[in-house]
Amino acid sequence: MNKKIVDIYSRHREDAPYAEDYKSSVHFADKYSENRYRRHKAQKEIRNIPPTKDKVCSVCNGFFVAAEIPVTIIKSAPAGIAYRNSIWIKFLETGHIGVVGIGMVNFDIPLSDAEYDEKNEDGSWKWNSSGILVHQLGHSWDESGVLVFQINDVFEECTLEQIKRALGNWMIDEAGLHIVDHYNHQIEKREYSGN
C-alpha cells in the first residue's frame, strides 16, 4: 500500500461539517437553519452534468492503482448486502453520483419530509442522510445496482473509513467529480449501517 496517497487524501476537507456540528445533520431543518448546509451543497452538486459510470470506475481505479490497493470491481451489485472490506458508490436515476459509502447497501428514501426524523426502536435514525437528501431533491436511486470496490488485502496501516474518505476526496480533487451527498464520506460514524 502507498500509505502516503491515503494519508494525503484522507484528510478532512476544510469545508466539511462534523458530527458535533448541526451542519452535519439533515435533521431538524425547521429548528436549526444550520441543518440546511448539506442540502444546499447537494442542490449545487445536482446541477452538474453527471459522469458516465465508466468514467467513475476509471477515476476510482486510478486512486486504487496510485494507492497500491488491490481491488475487485463489481459493477452492478444489488442492495441488501454488506460487502465486507468494500467501498461502494450509489447513483441517482439521473446518473449523478449519490454517495460514497461502506456497510449495508440500501436504496431507502423517506416518502415525505414528515418521516425524516423518525427513529428505530434502538434510537438510531430510520432514514439515512443520503436518502433524505435524495428525497429533498425530488430524485430517486438508480436501483440497477451499486459500484463496489472489494479490497483484496487487509491493511493494518489504515482503516476502511480512511480509505473511503481518501477515495471520495480523490474523486473530487483529482477528477472534479460531483457527489450529491458531498460530505458523507467525510463524516465518520460510530455505527455505520449504510447510506
N, C-alpha and C. Protein backbone atom coordinates (compact mmCIF):
# COMPACT_ATOMS: atom_id res chain seq x y z
N MET A 1 0.84 -1.19 0.00
CA MET A 1 0.00 0.00 0.00
C MET A 1 0.89 1.25 0.00
N ASN A 2 0.47 2.23 -0.76
CA ASN A 2 1.12 3.54 -0.74
C ASN A 2 0.36 4.39 0.28
N LYS A 3 0.78 4.30 1.54
CA LYS A 3 0.07 4.99 2.63
C LYS A 3 0.10 6.50 2.46
N LYS A 4 1.13 7.01 1.78
CA LYS A 4 1.24 8.46 1.57
C LYS A 4 0.03 8.99 0.80
N ILE A 5 -0.41 8.26 -0.24
CA ILE A 5 -1.59 8.67 -1.02
C ILE A 5 -2.83 8.67 -0.13
N VAL A 6 -2.99 7.60 0.66
CA VAL A 6 -4.16 7.51 1.56
C VAL A 6 -4.11 8.64 2.58
N ASP A 7 -2.94 8.91 3.15
CA ASP A 7 -2.82 9.97 4.15
C ASP A 7 -3.16 11.34 3.56
N ILE A 8 -2.66 11.62 2.37
CA ILE A 8 -2.91 12.93 1.74
C ILE A 8 -4.39 13.13 1.49
N TYR A 9 -5.04 12.13 0.92
CA TYR A 9 -6.44 12.30 0.51
C TYR A 9 -7.44 11.97 1.62
N SER A 10 -6.99 11.36 2.71
CA SER A 10 -7.95 11.07 3.78
C SER A 10 -8.06 12.20 4.80
N ARG A 11 -7.36 13.29 4.54
CA ARG A 11 -7.52 14.45 5.43
C ARG A 11 -8.93 15.00 5.28
N HIS A 12 -9.47 15.48 6.39
CA HIS A 12 -10.81 16.05 6.35
C HIS A 12 -10.79 17.35 5.55
N ARG A 13 -11.79 17.51 4.73
CA ARG A 13 -11.93 18.74 3.94
C ARG A 13 -12.24 19.90 4.89
N GLU A 14 -11.67 21.05 4.62
CA GLU A 14 -11.88 22.21 5.50
C GLU A 14 -13.33 22.63 5.57
N ASP A 15 -14.08 22.43 4.48
CA ASP A 15 -15.48 22.86 4.46
C ASP A 15 -16.44 21.79 4.96
N ALA A 16 -15.92 20.62 5.37
CA ALA A 16 -16.79 19.52 5.76
C ALA A 16 -17.39 19.73 7.14
N PRO A 17 -18.69 19.47 7.27
CA PRO A 17 -19.30 19.54 8.60
C PRO A 17 -18.92 18.30 9.40
N TYR A 18 -18.93 18.41 10.69
CA TYR A 18 -18.55 17.29 11.53
C TYR A 18 -19.70 16.89 12.43
N ALA A 19 -19.61 15.69 13.00
CA ALA A 19 -20.72 15.08 13.73
C ALA A 19 -21.23 15.95 14.88
N GLU A 20 -20.36 16.70 15.55
CA GLU A 20 -20.82 17.50 16.68
C GLU A 20 -21.43 18.83 16.23
N ASP A 21 -21.38 19.09 14.96
CA ASP A 21 -21.85 20.35 14.40
C ASP A 21 -23.24 20.14 13.78
N TYR A 22 -24.17 21.03 14.05
CA TYR A 22 -25.51 20.88 13.48
C TYR A 22 -25.46 20.85 11.95
N LYS A 23 -24.43 21.44 11.34
CA LYS A 23 -24.33 21.45 9.88
C LYS A 23 -24.18 20.05 9.31
N SER A 24 -23.72 19.10 10.12
CA SER A 24 -23.51 17.74 9.61
C SER A 24 -24.83 16.98 9.48
N SER A 25 -25.88 17.49 10.04
CA SER A 25 -27.15 16.77 10.07
C SER A 25 -28.09 17.21 8.96
N VAL A 26 -28.96 16.30 8.57
CA VAL A 26 -30.05 16.64 7.65
C VAL A 26 -31.38 16.66 8.41
N HIS A 27 -31.30 16.53 9.74
CA HIS A 27 -32.48 16.50 10.59
C HIS A 27 -32.75 17.87 11.22
N PHE A 28 -33.96 18.07 11.64
CA PHE A 28 -34.39 19.27 12.38
C PHE A 28 -34.16 20.57 11.62
N ALA A 29 -34.27 20.55 10.29
CA ALA A 29 -34.01 21.75 9.49
C ALA A 29 -34.95 22.90 9.85
N ASP A 30 -36.15 22.57 10.33
CA ASP A 30 -37.07 23.63 10.70
C ASP A 30 -36.65 24.31 12.01
N LYS A 31 -35.86 23.62 12.83
CA LYS A 31 -35.45 24.15 14.12
C LYS A 31 -34.10 24.85 14.06
N TYR A 32 -33.18 24.29 13.27
CA TYR A 32 -31.83 24.84 13.17
C TYR A 32 -31.50 25.12 11.71
N SER A 33 -31.34 26.38 11.36
CA SER A 33 -31.08 26.73 9.97
C SER A 33 -29.75 26.16 9.48
N GLU A 34 -28.82 25.87 10.41
CA GLU A 34 -27.53 25.30 10.02
C GLU A 34 -27.70 23.95 9.35
N ASN A 35 -28.81 23.27 9.61
CA ASN A 35 -29.02 21.94 9.08
C ASN A 35 -29.32 21.93 7.58
N ARG A 36 -29.39 23.09 6.97
CA ARG A 36 -29.61 23.15 5.53
C ARG A 36 -28.29 23.13 4.76
N TYR A 37 -27.18 23.11 5.46
CA TYR A 37 -25.85 23.17 4.87
C TYR A 37 -25.63 22.06 3.85
N ARG A 38 -25.89 20.82 4.24
CA ARG A 38 -25.68 19.68 3.35
C ARG A 38 -26.69 19.68 2.21
N ARG A 39 -27.92 20.11 2.48
CA ARG A 39 -28.93 20.17 1.41
C ARG A 39 -28.53 21.20 0.36
N HIS A 40 -28.05 22.36 0.80
CA HIS A 40 -27.62 23.39 -0.16
C HIS A 40 -26.48 22.88 -1.03
N LYS A 41 -25.54 22.15 -0.44
CA LYS A 41 -24.44 21.59 -1.22
C LYS A 41 -24.96 20.55 -2.20
N ALA A 42 -25.90 19.73 -1.79
CA ALA A 42 -26.49 18.72 -2.68
C ALA A 42 -27.19 19.39 -3.86
N GLN A 43 -27.88 20.51 -3.59
CA GLN A 43 -28.56 21.24 -4.66
C GLN A 43 -27.57 21.79 -5.69
N LYS A 44 -26.38 22.19 -5.22
CA LYS A 44 -25.34 22.67 -6.15
C LYS A 44 -24.77 21.51 -6.96
N GLU A 45 -24.52 20.39 -6.30
CA GLU A 45 -23.90 19.24 -6.97
C GLU A 45 -24.79 18.66 -8.06
N ILE A 46 -26.10 18.65 -7.83
CA ILE A 46 -27.03 18.03 -8.79
C ILE A 46 -27.16 18.85 -10.07
N ARG A 47 -26.71 20.10 -10.04
CA ARG A 47 -26.80 20.96 -11.23
C ARG A 47 -25.75 20.61 -12.29
N ASN A 48 -24.75 19.83 -11.89
CA ASN A 48 -23.67 19.48 -12.81
C ASN A 48 -24.05 18.28 -13.68
N ILE A 49 -23.43 18.18 -14.84
CA ILE A 49 -23.67 17.06 -15.74
C ILE A 49 -23.09 15.80 -15.10
N PRO A 50 -23.88 14.73 -15.02
CA PRO A 50 -23.38 13.51 -14.38
C PRO A 50 -22.34 12.82 -15.26
N PRO A 51 -21.33 12.21 -14.61
CA PRO A 51 -20.34 11.45 -15.38
C PRO A 51 -20.90 10.09 -15.77
N THR A 52 -20.29 9.44 -16.72
CA THR A 52 -20.68 8.06 -17.03
C THR A 52 -20.16 7.16 -15.92
N LYS A 53 -20.78 6.00 -15.77
CA LYS A 53 -20.30 5.05 -14.76
C LYS A 53 -18.90 4.56 -15.12
N ASP A 54 -18.62 4.46 -16.41
CA ASP A 54 -17.27 4.05 -16.82
C ASP A 54 -16.23 5.08 -16.39
N LYS A 55 -16.58 6.36 -16.48
CA LYS A 55 -15.68 7.43 -16.05
C LYS A 55 -15.43 7.31 -14.54
N VAL A 56 -16.50 7.12 -13.77
CA VAL A 56 -16.38 6.98 -12.32
C VAL A 56 -15.50 5.78 -11.99
N CYS A 57 -15.74 4.67 -12.66
CA CYS A 57 -14.95 3.45 -12.43
C CYS A 57 -13.48 3.70 -12.74
N SER A 58 -13.20 4.41 -13.82
CA SER A 58 -11.83 4.71 -14.22
C SER A 58 -11.13 5.61 -13.20
N VAL A 59 -11.83 6.64 -12.73
CA VAL A 59 -11.26 7.55 -11.73
C VAL A 59 -10.95 6.80 -10.44
N CYS A 60 -11.90 5.99 -10.00
CA CYS A 60 -11.69 5.23 -8.76
C CYS A 60 -10.56 4.22 -8.91
N ASN A 61 -10.51 3.56 -10.06
CA ASN A 61 -9.42 2.62 -10.31
C ASN A 61 -8.08 3.34 -10.27
N GLY A 62 -8.03 4.58 -10.78
CA GLY A 62 -6.81 5.38 -10.71
C GLY A 62 -6.36 5.61 -9.29
N PHE A 63 -7.32 5.84 -8.39
CA PHE A 63 -6.98 6.00 -6.97
C PHE A 63 -6.38 4.72 -6.42
N PHE A 64 -7.05 3.59 -6.66
CA PHE A 64 -6.57 2.33 -6.09
C PHE A 64 -5.21 1.93 -6.65
N VAL A 65 -4.95 2.25 -7.92
CA VAL A 65 -3.63 1.98 -8.51
C VAL A 65 -2.57 2.86 -7.83
N ALA A 66 -2.87 4.18 -7.70
CA ALA A 66 -1.93 5.11 -7.07
C ALA A 66 -1.66 4.73 -5.61
N ALA A 67 -2.71 4.27 -4.92
CA ALA A 67 -2.58 3.91 -3.50
C ALA A 67 -2.07 2.48 -3.32
N GLU A 68 -1.88 1.78 -4.45
CA GLU A 68 -1.40 0.40 -4.43
C GLU A 68 -2.28 -0.50 -3.55
N ILE A 69 -3.58 -0.35 -3.74
CA ILE A 69 -4.57 -1.15 -3.03
C ILE A 69 -5.25 -2.06 -4.05
N PRO A 70 -5.00 -3.36 -3.99
CA PRO A 70 -5.63 -4.27 -4.96
C PRO A 70 -7.13 -4.43 -4.66
N VAL A 71 -7.95 -4.27 -5.69
CA VAL A 71 -9.40 -4.37 -5.53
C VAL A 71 -10.00 -5.26 -6.61
N THR A 72 -11.15 -5.80 -6.28
CA THR A 72 -12.00 -6.45 -7.27
C THR A 72 -13.18 -5.51 -7.48
N ILE A 73 -13.49 -5.21 -8.73
CA ILE A 73 -14.56 -4.27 -9.05
C ILE A 73 -15.82 -5.06 -9.40
N ILE A 74 -16.91 -4.71 -8.72
CA ILE A 74 -18.23 -5.27 -9.03
C ILE A 74 -19.05 -4.11 -9.57
N LYS A 75 -19.42 -4.17 -10.84
CA LYS A 75 -20.03 -3.00 -11.49
C LYS A 75 -21.52 -2.82 -11.20
N SER A 76 -22.21 -3.87 -10.82
CA SER A 76 -23.65 -3.71 -10.58
C SER A 76 -24.10 -4.66 -9.48
N ALA A 77 -23.79 -4.30 -8.25
CA ALA A 77 -24.13 -5.15 -7.10
C ALA A 77 -25.49 -4.75 -6.54
N PRO A 78 -26.29 -5.72 -6.08
CA PRO A 78 -27.62 -5.41 -5.54
C PRO A 78 -27.58 -4.85 -4.13
N ALA A 79 -28.70 -4.30 -3.72
CA ALA A 79 -28.85 -3.79 -2.35
C ALA A 79 -29.07 -4.97 -1.40
N GLY A 80 -29.04 -4.67 -0.10
CA GLY A 80 -29.34 -5.66 0.91
C GLY A 80 -28.16 -6.49 1.36
N ILE A 81 -26.97 -6.13 0.88
CA ILE A 81 -25.77 -6.88 1.24
C ILE A 81 -24.76 -5.92 1.87
N ALA A 82 -24.11 -6.36 2.93
CA ALA A 82 -22.99 -5.60 3.49
C ALA A 82 -21.73 -6.20 2.90
N TYR A 83 -21.13 -5.52 1.96
CA TYR A 83 -19.95 -6.04 1.28
C TYR A 83 -18.74 -5.87 2.19
N ARG A 84 -18.16 -6.97 2.60
CA ARG A 84 -17.03 -6.96 3.54
C ARG A 84 -15.80 -6.31 2.90
N ASN A 85 -15.12 -5.46 3.67
CA ASN A 85 -13.92 -4.76 3.20
C ASN A 85 -14.15 -4.09 1.85
N SER A 86 -15.28 -3.43 1.72
CA SER A 86 -15.63 -2.83 0.44
C SER A 86 -16.07 -1.39 0.60
N ILE A 87 -15.86 -0.64 -0.45
CA ILE A 87 -16.38 0.72 -0.58
C ILE A 87 -17.28 0.70 -1.79
N TRP A 88 -18.45 1.31 -1.67
CA TRP A 88 -19.38 1.30 -2.78
C TRP A 88 -19.84 2.71 -3.12
N ILE A 89 -20.36 2.84 -4.33
CA ILE A 89 -20.87 4.13 -4.81
C ILE A 89 -22.28 3.91 -5.33
N LYS A 90 -23.22 4.70 -4.83
CA LYS A 90 -24.60 4.67 -5.31
C LYS A 90 -24.82 5.84 -6.24
N PHE A 91 -25.68 5.62 -7.22
CA PHE A 91 -26.01 6.64 -8.21
C PHE A 91 -27.49 6.99 -8.14
N LEU A 92 -27.83 8.20 -8.57
CA LEU A 92 -29.22 8.59 -8.72
C LEU A 92 -29.73 8.12 -10.08
N GLU A 93 -31.02 8.16 -10.26
CA GLU A 93 -31.62 7.74 -11.52
C GLU A 93 -31.16 8.63 -12.68
N THR A 94 -30.65 9.80 -12.37
CA THR A 94 -30.14 10.73 -13.38
C THR A 94 -28.71 10.41 -13.81
N GLY A 95 -28.05 9.50 -13.07
CA GLY A 95 -26.66 9.18 -13.33
C GLY A 95 -25.69 9.91 -12.42
N HIS A 96 -26.18 10.88 -11.64
CA HIS A 96 -25.31 11.60 -10.70
C HIS A 96 -24.79 10.64 -9.63
N ILE A 97 -23.57 10.91 -9.16
CA ILE A 97 -23.02 10.13 -8.05
C ILE A 97 -23.77 10.56 -6.79
N GLY A 98 -24.39 9.62 -6.11
CA GLY A 98 -25.17 9.95 -4.93
C GLY A 98 -24.34 9.99 -3.66
N VAL A 99 -23.54 8.94 -3.45
CA VAL A 99 -22.81 8.83 -2.19
C VAL A 99 -21.70 7.79 -2.32
N VAL A 100 -20.63 8.01 -1.58
CA VAL A 100 -19.55 7.03 -1.43
C VAL A 100 -19.70 6.47 -0.02
N GLY A 101 -19.85 5.15 0.10
CA GLY A 101 -20.12 4.60 1.42
C GLY A 101 -19.50 3.24 1.67
N ILE A 102 -19.73 2.75 2.89
CA ILE A 102 -19.34 1.41 3.30
C ILE A 102 -20.49 0.84 4.11
N GLY A 103 -20.49 -0.45 4.32
CA GLY A 103 -21.53 -1.08 5.13
C GLY A 103 -22.66 -1.62 4.28
N MET A 104 -23.83 -1.73 4.87
CA MET A 104 -25.01 -2.28 4.20
C MET A 104 -25.50 -1.35 3.10
N VAL A 105 -25.75 -1.91 1.95
CA VAL A 105 -26.27 -1.13 0.82
C VAL A 105 -27.79 -1.15 0.87
N ASN A 106 -28.41 0.02 0.76
CA ASN A 106 -29.86 0.08 0.64
C ASN A 106 -30.24 1.23 -0.29
N PHE A 107 -31.47 1.20 -0.76
CA PHE A 107 -31.99 2.27 -1.61
C PHE A 107 -33.14 2.97 -0.91
N ASP A 108 -33.08 3.06 0.42
CA ASP A 108 -34.16 3.64 1.21
C ASP A 108 -34.26 5.15 0.99
N ILE A 109 -35.49 5.60 0.84
CA ILE A 109 -35.80 7.03 0.74
C ILE A 109 -37.11 7.24 1.49
N PRO A 110 -37.18 8.25 2.37
CA PRO A 110 -38.46 8.50 3.05
C PRO A 110 -39.53 8.94 2.05
N LEU A 111 -40.77 8.68 2.38
CA LEU A 111 -41.87 9.03 1.48
C LEU A 111 -42.28 10.50 1.61
N SER A 112 -41.98 11.09 2.77
CA SER A 112 -42.33 12.50 2.98
C SER A 112 -41.36 13.12 3.99
N ASP A 113 -41.33 14.47 4.02
CA ASP A 113 -40.44 15.13 4.97
C ASP A 113 -40.88 14.91 6.41
N ALA A 114 -42.11 14.51 6.63
CA ALA A 114 -42.59 14.22 7.98
C ALA A 114 -41.87 13.01 8.57
N GLU A 115 -41.26 12.17 7.72
CA GLU A 115 -40.59 10.96 8.18
C GLU A 115 -39.10 11.16 8.46
N TYR A 116 -38.53 12.29 8.09
CA TYR A 116 -37.08 12.48 8.19
C TYR A 116 -36.53 12.18 9.59
N ASP A 117 -37.25 12.58 10.61
CA ASP A 117 -36.72 12.48 11.97
C ASP A 117 -37.21 11.25 12.74
N GLU A 118 -37.80 10.28 12.02
CA GLU A 118 -38.24 9.06 12.68
C GLU A 118 -37.04 8.24 13.15
N LYS A 119 -37.23 7.56 14.28
CA LYS A 119 -36.15 6.73 14.83
C LYS A 119 -36.62 5.29 14.96
N ASN A 120 -35.65 4.39 14.95
CA ASN A 120 -35.91 2.97 15.18
C ASN A 120 -36.05 2.73 16.68
N GLU A 121 -36.44 1.53 17.05
CA GLU A 121 -36.62 1.19 18.47
C GLU A 121 -35.34 1.37 19.27
N ASP A 122 -34.19 1.16 18.63
CA ASP A 122 -32.91 1.30 19.34
C ASP A 122 -32.42 2.74 19.42
N GLY A 123 -33.21 3.69 18.90
CA GLY A 123 -32.85 5.11 18.96
C GLY A 123 -32.07 5.62 17.78
N SER A 124 -31.71 4.73 16.85
CA SER A 124 -30.98 5.16 15.65
C SER A 124 -31.96 5.78 14.65
N TRP A 125 -31.42 6.57 13.73
CA TRP A 125 -32.27 7.19 12.71
C TRP A 125 -32.81 6.12 11.77
N LYS A 126 -34.08 6.23 11.42
CA LYS A 126 -34.69 5.28 10.49
C LYS A 126 -34.18 5.53 9.07
N TRP A 127 -34.01 6.80 8.71
CA TRP A 127 -33.60 7.17 7.35
C TRP A 127 -32.19 7.73 7.37
N ASN A 128 -31.36 7.28 6.44
CA ASN A 128 -30.00 7.80 6.38
C ASN A 128 -29.97 9.14 5.65
N SER A 129 -28.88 9.85 5.84
CA SER A 129 -28.75 11.21 5.30
C SER A 129 -28.86 11.23 3.78
N SER A 130 -28.27 10.25 3.11
CA SER A 130 -28.30 10.25 1.65
C SER A 130 -29.72 10.10 1.12
N GLY A 131 -30.48 9.20 1.74
CA GLY A 131 -31.88 9.01 1.32
C GLY A 131 -32.70 10.27 1.53
N ILE A 132 -32.46 10.96 2.64
CA ILE A 132 -33.18 12.21 2.91
C ILE A 132 -32.80 13.26 1.88
N LEU A 133 -31.52 13.40 1.58
CA LEU A 133 -31.09 14.39 0.59
C LEU A 133 -31.68 14.10 -0.78
N VAL A 134 -31.69 12.83 -1.18
CA VAL A 134 -32.26 12.47 -2.48
C VAL A 134 -33.74 12.82 -2.51
N HIS A 135 -34.45 12.57 -1.41
CA HIS A 135 -35.87 12.93 -1.34
C HIS A 135 -36.04 14.44 -1.42
N GLN A 136 -35.21 15.19 -0.70
CA GLN A 136 -35.31 16.65 -0.72
C GLN A 136 -35.10 17.21 -2.13
N LEU A 137 -34.28 16.54 -2.92
CA LEU A 137 -34.02 16.97 -4.29
C LEU A 137 -35.10 16.52 -5.27
N GLY A 138 -35.98 15.64 -4.81
CA GLY A 138 -37.05 15.14 -5.68
C GLY A 138 -36.57 14.07 -6.66
N HIS A 139 -35.55 13.33 -6.28
CA HIS A 139 -34.99 12.30 -7.15
C HIS A 139 -35.15 10.93 -6.51
N SER A 140 -34.59 9.92 -7.16
CA SER A 140 -34.62 8.55 -6.64
C SER A 140 -33.29 7.88 -6.95
N TRP A 141 -33.05 6.74 -6.30
CA TRP A 141 -31.82 5.98 -6.55
C TRP A 141 -31.93 5.20 -7.84
N ASP A 142 -30.79 4.97 -8.48
CA ASP A 142 -30.70 4.03 -9.58
C ASP A 142 -30.58 2.66 -8.93
N GLU A 143 -31.65 1.90 -8.93
CA GLU A 143 -31.69 0.63 -8.22
C GLU A 143 -31.15 -0.53 -9.05
N SER A 144 -30.56 -0.24 -10.21
CA SER A 144 -29.99 -1.32 -11.02
C SER A 144 -28.74 -1.90 -10.39
N GLY A 145 -28.17 -1.22 -9.38
CA GLY A 145 -27.02 -1.76 -8.67
C GLY A 145 -26.00 -0.69 -8.34
N VAL A 146 -25.14 -1.02 -7.39
CA VAL A 146 -24.10 -0.09 -6.97
C VAL A 146 -22.75 -0.55 -7.51
N LEU A 147 -21.81 0.39 -7.58
CA LEU A 147 -20.44 0.10 -7.99
C LEU A 147 -19.66 -0.22 -6.72
N VAL A 148 -19.09 -1.42 -6.65
CA VAL A 148 -18.41 -1.88 -5.44
C VAL A 148 -16.93 -2.12 -5.73
N PHE A 149 -16.09 -1.67 -4.79
CA PHE A 149 -14.66 -1.94 -4.84
C PHE A 149 -14.32 -2.80 -3.64
N GLN A 150 -14.17 -4.09 -3.89
CA GLN A 150 -13.85 -5.07 -2.85
C GLN A 150 -12.34 -5.05 -2.65
N ILE A 151 -11.89 -4.66 -1.46
CA ILE A 151 -10.46 -4.57 -1.17
C ILE A 151 -9.94 -5.98 -0.86
N ASN A 152 -8.92 -6.37 -1.60
CA ASN A 152 -8.46 -7.75 -1.55
C ASN A 152 -7.49 -8.05 -0.42
N ASP A 153 -6.86 -7.06 0.14
CA ASP A 153 -5.93 -7.25 1.25
C ASP A 153 -6.44 -6.50 2.48
N VAL A 154 -6.08 -6.97 3.65
CA VAL A 154 -6.39 -6.26 4.89
C VAL A 154 -5.15 -5.45 5.26
N PHE A 155 -5.35 -4.18 5.52
CA PHE A 155 -4.23 -3.30 5.82
C PHE A 155 -4.26 -2.88 7.28
N GLU A 156 -3.10 -2.95 7.93
CA GLU A 156 -3.00 -2.53 9.32
C GLU A 156 -2.69 -1.05 9.42
N GLU A 157 -2.19 -0.44 8.33
CA GLU A 157 -1.75 0.95 8.37
C GLU A 157 -2.90 1.95 8.38
N CYS A 158 -4.08 1.53 7.93
CA CYS A 158 -5.22 2.47 7.90
C CYS A 158 -6.53 1.70 7.95
N THR A 159 -7.59 2.42 8.22
CA THR A 159 -8.91 1.81 8.33
C THR A 159 -9.66 1.92 7.01
N LEU A 160 -10.71 1.13 6.88
CA LEU A 160 -11.58 1.22 5.71
C LEU A 160 -12.20 2.61 5.61
N GLU A 161 -12.51 3.19 6.77
CA GLU A 161 -13.07 4.55 6.82
C GLU A 161 -12.09 5.56 6.19
N GLN A 162 -10.80 5.42 6.49
CA GLN A 162 -9.79 6.33 5.91
C GLN A 162 -9.68 6.14 4.40
N ILE A 163 -9.73 4.89 3.95
CA ILE A 163 -9.65 4.63 2.51
C ILE A 163 -10.89 5.21 1.81
N LYS A 164 -12.05 5.05 2.42
CA LYS A 164 -13.29 5.61 1.85
C LYS A 164 -13.18 7.12 1.73
N ARG A 165 -12.70 7.77 2.79
CA ARG A 165 -12.56 9.23 2.78
C ARG A 165 -11.55 9.65 1.70
N ALA A 166 -10.45 8.91 1.59
CA ALA A 166 -9.44 9.22 0.58
C ALA A 166 -10.00 9.05 -0.82
N LEU A 167 -10.75 7.99 -1.06
CA LEU A 167 -11.35 7.77 -2.38
C LEU A 167 -12.31 8.90 -2.74
N GLY A 168 -13.20 9.26 -1.82
CA GLY A 168 -14.14 10.35 -2.10
C GLY A 168 -13.43 11.65 -2.40
N ASN A 169 -12.40 11.96 -1.62
CA ASN A 169 -11.65 13.20 -1.86
C ASN A 169 -10.87 13.15 -3.16
N TRP A 170 -10.33 11.99 -3.51
CA TRP A 170 -9.64 11.82 -4.79
C TRP A 170 -10.61 12.12 -5.95
N MET A 171 -11.82 11.56 -5.85
CA MET A 171 -12.83 11.77 -6.89
C MET A 171 -13.12 13.26 -7.09
N ILE A 172 -13.18 13.99 -5.98
CA ILE A 172 -13.49 15.42 -6.03
C ILE A 172 -12.27 16.21 -6.50
N ASP A 173 -11.11 15.96 -5.87
CA ASP A 173 -9.93 16.79 -6.10
C ASP A 173 -9.21 16.47 -7.41
N GLU A 174 -9.07 15.20 -7.72
CA GLU A 174 -8.28 14.81 -8.89
C GLU A 174 -9.09 14.79 -10.18
N ALA A 175 -10.39 14.51 -10.08
CA ALA A 175 -11.20 14.36 -11.29
C ALA A 175 -12.33 15.37 -11.39
N GLY A 176 -12.54 16.16 -10.33
CA GLY A 176 -13.62 17.14 -10.36
C GLY A 176 -15.01 16.52 -10.41
N LEU A 177 -15.14 15.29 -9.88
CA LEU A 177 -16.45 14.64 -9.87
C LEU A 177 -17.33 15.27 -8.79
N HIS A 178 -18.61 15.29 -9.05
CA HIS A 178 -19.58 15.89 -8.13
C HIS A 178 -20.37 14.79 -7.44
N ILE A 179 -20.41 14.85 -6.11
CA ILE A 179 -21.10 13.86 -5.30
C ILE A 179 -22.25 14.55 -4.59
N VAL A 180 -23.47 14.07 -4.80
CA VAL A 180 -24.65 14.73 -4.24
C VAL A 180 -24.57 14.80 -2.72
N ASP A 181 -24.34 13.67 -2.05
CA ASP A 181 -24.11 13.71 -0.59
C ASP A 181 -22.61 13.92 -0.41
N HIS A 182 -22.20 15.13 -0.71
CA HIS A 182 -20.81 15.55 -0.87
C HIS A 182 -19.96 15.27 0.36
N TYR A 183 -20.55 15.36 1.54
CA TYR A 183 -19.77 15.26 2.77
C TYR A 183 -19.90 13.93 3.47
N ASN A 184 -20.72 13.03 2.97
CA ASN A 184 -20.95 11.78 3.68
C ASN A 184 -19.67 11.01 3.95
N HIS A 185 -18.79 10.95 2.98
CA HIS A 185 -17.54 10.18 3.18
C HIS A 185 -16.60 10.88 4.15
N GLN A 186 -16.91 12.12 4.52
CA GLN A 186 -16.08 12.88 5.46
C GLN A 186 -16.48 12.67 6.91
N ILE A 187 -17.71 12.28 7.12
CA ILE A 187 -18.24 12.22 8.48
C ILE A 187 -18.14 10.79 8.99
N GLU A 188 -17.24 10.57 9.94
CA GLU A 188 -17.05 9.21 10.48
C GLU A 188 -18.22 8.87 11.39
N LYS A 189 -18.65 7.62 11.30
CA LYS A 189 -19.79 7.17 12.08
C LYS A 189 -19.35 6.09 13.05
N ARG A 190 -19.92 6.10 14.22
CA ARG A 190 -19.61 5.06 15.20
C ARG A 190 -20.23 3.74 14.77
N GLU A 191 -21.49 3.80 14.39
CA GLU A 191 -22.16 2.61 13.90
C GLU A 191 -22.61 2.91 12.50
N TYR A 192 -22.09 2.19 11.55
CA TYR A 192 -22.34 2.50 10.15
C TYR A 192 -23.27 1.46 9.55
N SER A 193 -24.46 1.88 9.17
CA SER A 193 -25.45 0.95 8.66
C SER A 193 -25.78 1.20 7.20
N GLY A 194 -24.98 1.96 6.52
CA GLY A 194 -25.25 2.22 5.10
C GLY A 194 -25.73 3.62 4.85
N ASN A 195 -25.76 3.99 3.59
CA ASN A 195 -26.14 5.35 3.21
C ASN A 195 -27.24 5.31 2.19
